[in-house]
Amino acid sequence: MQKNKLNSIEIKQALKTISGWTLESDEAFMHKQWQFDSFKTAMHFIAKVAEIAELQNHHPEFLSVYRKMRVRLSTHDVSGLTQKDFELASEIDRLVANQFSHCV
């Protein structure tokens, strides 16, 4: 898959396809945060996201504080956002909807 850095217009269009993700001011990263019912559930979420990310060969940043989980996406090879970030964000959202919606 090509890793073309998206411009501001492309990023704003792509953000319309996902819900709840926040574009950071430099437009090089986006992030989303969840709060789960327990620390164990939050760790299970990390493991599931890691499986998806590994399959896509695209690796997010995680910040875990007890039951709170924040995922931050960027394509480091291009120092910005690419279509890969939006595809991974969509997969993470699907995962939450299908396996964790009762916990969020």
Protein backbone atom coordinates (compact mmCIF):
# COMPACT_ATOMS: atom_id res chain seq x y z
CA MET A 1 0.00 0.00 0.00
CA GLN A 2 1.22 3.45 -0.85
CA LYS A 3 2.01 5.79 1.98
CA ASN A 4 1.13 9.20 0.61
CA LYS A 5 0.83 11.94 3.20
CA LEU A 6 -2.63 13.47 3.12
CA ASN A 7 -3.05 17.23 2.81
CA SER A 8 -5.40 19.28 5.02
CA ILE A 9 -8.36 18.97 2.66
CA GLU A 10 -7.92 15.19 2.32
CA ILE A 11 -7.61 14.84 6.11
CA LYS A 12 -10.80 16.80 6.74
CA GLN A 13 -12.65 14.64 4.19
CA ALA A 14 -11.30 11.42 5.70
CA LEU A 15 -12.27 12.54 9.22
CA LYS A 16 -15.90 12.58 8.06
CA THR A 17 -15.68 8.80 7.57
CA ILE A 18 -14.84 8.07 11.22
CA SER A 19 -16.42 9.18 14.46
CA GLY A 20 -14.84 10.64 17.57
CA TRP A 21 -11.25 10.89 16.36
CA THR A 22 -9.54 14.21 17.10
CA LEU A 23 -7.08 15.78 14.71
CA GLU A 24 -4.12 17.28 16.54
CA SER A 25 -3.13 20.87 15.77
CA ASP A 26 -0.10 19.92 13.66
CA GLU A 27 -2.32 17.63 11.51
CA ALA A 28 0.35 14.92 11.82
CA PHE A 29 -1.57 12.86 14.40
CA MET A 30 -5.10 11.97 15.37
CA HIS A 31 -6.28 10.29 18.53
CA LYS A 32 -9.29 8.82 20.28
CA GLN A 33 -9.90 7.89 23.89
CA TRP A 34 -12.10 5.30 25.58
CA GLN A 35 -12.84 4.41 29.18
CA PHE A 36 -13.47 0.75 29.91
CA ASP A 37 -15.16 -0.98 32.83
CA SER A 38 -11.91 -2.38 34.22
CA PHE A 39 -8.14 -2.38 33.83
CA LYS A 40 -8.33 -5.96 32.55
CA THR A 41 -10.75 -4.94 29.79
CA ALA A 42 -8.51 -2.02 28.80
CA MET A 43 -5.53 -4.40 28.51
CA HIS A 44 -7.62 -6.81 26.44
CA PHE A 45 -8.46 -3.88 24.14
CA ILE A 46 -4.74 -3.10 23.70
CA ALA A 47 -4.02 -6.71 22.79
CA LYS A 48 -6.82 -6.80 20.21
CA VAL A 49 -5.76 -3.49 18.64
CA ALA A 50 -2.17 -4.76 18.53
CA GLU A 51 -3.32 -7.83 16.56
CA ILE A 52 -5.13 -5.65 14.02
CA ALA A 53 -2.21 -3.22 13.77
CA GLU A 54 0.28 -6.04 13.24
CA LEU A 55 -1.82 -7.45 10.39
CA GLN A 56 -1.82 -4.01 8.77
CA ASN A 57 1.87 -3.44 9.54
CA HIS A 58 0.86 -0.13 11.09
CA HIS A 59 1.60 0.52 14.73
CA PRO A 60 -0.23 3.08 16.88
CA GLU A 61 0.86 4.77 20.06
CA PHE A 62 -1.00 3.70 23.22
CA LEU A 63 -1.49 5.59 26.46
CA SER A 64 -3.08 3.58 29.24
CA VAL A 65 -4.12 5.05 32.57
CA TYR A 66 -5.98 2.40 34.56
CA ARG A 67 -9.31 2.06 32.69
CA LYS A 68 -8.66 4.88 30.21
CA MET A 69 -7.11 4.10 26.87
CA ARG A 70 -5.91 6.57 24.27
CA VAL A 71 -4.79 5.53 20.79
CA ARG A 72 -2.77 7.96 18.70
CA LEU A 73 -2.23 7.40 14.98
CA SER A 74 0.26 8.74 12.46
CA THR A 75 2.37 7.31 9.68
CA HIS A 76 5.89 7.92 10.91
CA ASP A 77 7.48 7.21 7.51
CA VAL A 78 5.87 10.36 6.10
CA SER A 79 5.58 12.36 9.35
CA GLY A 80 1.85 12.73 8.96
CA LEU A 81 -1.48 11.08 8.30
CA THR A 82 -2.08 8.67 5.44
CA GLN A 83 -4.96 6.50 4.36
CA LYS A 84 -3.44 3.75 6.52
CA ASP A 85 -4.26 5.76 9.64
CA PHE A 86 -7.89 6.12 8.66
CA GLU A 87 -8.17 2.44 7.79
CA LEU A 88 -6.74 1.46 11.17
CA ALA A 89 -9.04 3.95 12.94
CA SER A 90 -12.04 2.36 11.21
CA GLU A 91 -10.92 -1.12 12.24
CA ILE A 92 -10.45 0.01 15.85
CA ASP A 93 -13.93 1.54 15.85
CA ARG A 94 -15.38 -1.72 14.47
CA LEU A 95 -13.57 -3.67 17.17
CA VAL A 96 -15.00 -1.45 19.91
CA ALA A 97 -18.52 -1.64 18.45
CA ASN A 98 -18.40 -5.44 18.11
CA GLN A 99 -16.50 -6.51 21.23
CA PHE A 100 -16.32 -3.67 23.74
CA SER A 101 -19.48 -1.58 23.29
CA HIS A 102 -20.85 -2.88 26.59
CA CYS A 103 -17.73 -1.61 28.38
CA VAL A 104 -17.23 1.84 26.91
